[in-house]
Amino acid sequence: MKKKRKAQSILEYIIVLSAIIVAVIAAAKGVVTNSVNKMFSDSAGVIETQSTNFLDNAASGGNSASAGGGE
């Protein structure tokens, strides 16, 4: 009888641990999703700014030094 109770106890711990793991993954998913979305949004903003600067410089006939050519 004692062995059956021990197996039941282990099963209960596994079920509780599984529930905790699912809760942690669900909570982390929201944080990770928001972080990734912010990262892509920030990257898109930088790309847009740089491409606008490049196009404005090209339209005004700018030289290579101000466009990042460096010499």
Protein backbone atom coordinates (compact mmCIF):
# COMPACT_ATOMS: atom_id res chain seq x y z
CA MET A 1 0.00 0.00 0.00
CA LYS A 2 2.86 2.38 0.78
CA LYS A 3 4.36 1.95 -2.70
CA LYS A 4 1.05 2.93 -4.34
CA ARG A 5 0.87 6.09 -2.21
CA LYS A 6 4.45 7.01 -3.17
CA ALA A 7 3.67 6.62 -6.88
CA GLN A 8 0.56 8.75 -6.44
CA SER A 9 2.59 11.40 -4.63
CA ILE A 10 5.19 11.48 -7.41
CA LEU A 11 2.43 11.81 -10.01
CA GLU A 12 0.91 14.72 -8.10
CA TYR A 13 4.28 16.49 -8.04
CA ILE A 14 4.69 15.94 -11.79
CA ILE A 15 1.23 17.39 -12.48
CA VAL A 16 1.88 20.47 -10.30
CA LEU A 17 5.32 20.99 -11.84
CA SER A 18 3.83 20.72 -15.35
CA ALA A 19 1.21 23.33 -14.49
CA ILE A 20 3.88 25.68 -13.17
CA ILE A 21 6.01 25.21 -16.29
CA VAL A 22 3.02 25.94 -18.56
CA ALA A 23 2.23 29.09 -16.55
CA VAL A 24 5.84 30.32 -16.77
CA ILE A 25 5.97 29.68 -20.52
CA ALA A 26 2.66 31.50 -21.04
CA ALA A 27 3.85 34.49 -19.02
CA ALA A 28 7.23 34.60 -20.77
CA LYS A 29 5.60 34.38 -24.20
CA GLY A 30 3.98 37.78 -23.73
CA VAL A 31 7.22 39.41 -22.58
CA VAL A 32 9.26 37.86 -25.38
CA THR A 33 6.66 38.74 -28.02
CA ASN A 34 6.58 42.38 -26.90
CA SER A 35 10.40 42.57 -26.87
CA VAL A 36 10.72 41.09 -30.35
CA ASN A 37 8.02 43.39 -31.74
CA LYS A 38 9.76 46.42 -30.23
CA MET A 39 13.11 45.31 -31.66
CA PHE A 40 11.66 44.97 -35.18
CA SER A 41 9.83 48.28 -34.85
CA ASP A 42 13.01 50.06 -33.75
CA SER A 43 14.96 48.45 -36.59
CA ALA A 44 12.34 49.52 -39.12
CA GLY A 45 12.54 53.08 -37.81
CA VAL A 46 16.32 53.17 -38.19
CA ILE A 47 16.15 51.72 -41.71
CA GLU A 48 13.48 54.24 -42.70
CA THR A 49 15.49 57.17 -41.32
CA GLN A 50 18.69 56.07 -43.01
CA SER A 51 17.03 55.41 -46.35
CA THR A 52 15.29 58.80 -46.22
CA ASN A 53 18.62 60.50 -45.46
CA PHE A 54 20.28 58.60 -48.30
CA LEU A 55 17.54 59.50 -50.80
CA ASP A 56 17.53 63.16 -49.72
CA ASN A 57 21.30 63.30 -50.09
CA ALA A 58 21.18 61.61 -53.50
CA ALA A 59 18.43 63.98 -54.70
CA SER A 60 20.42 67.04 -53.64
CA GLY A 61 23.58 65.80 -55.40
CA GLY A 62 25.49 65.34 -52.14
CA ASN A 63 29.10 64.23 -52.05
CA SER A 64 30.33 60.85 -50.83
CA ALA A 65 31.81 62.22 -47.57
CA SER A 66 28.43 63.28 -46.18
CA ALA A 67 26.82 60.04 -47.34
CA GLY A 68 29.24 57.97 -45.29
CA GLY A 69 31.95 57.53 -47.94
CA GLY A 70 34.49 58.91 -45.50
CA GLU A 71 37.36 60.29 -47.53
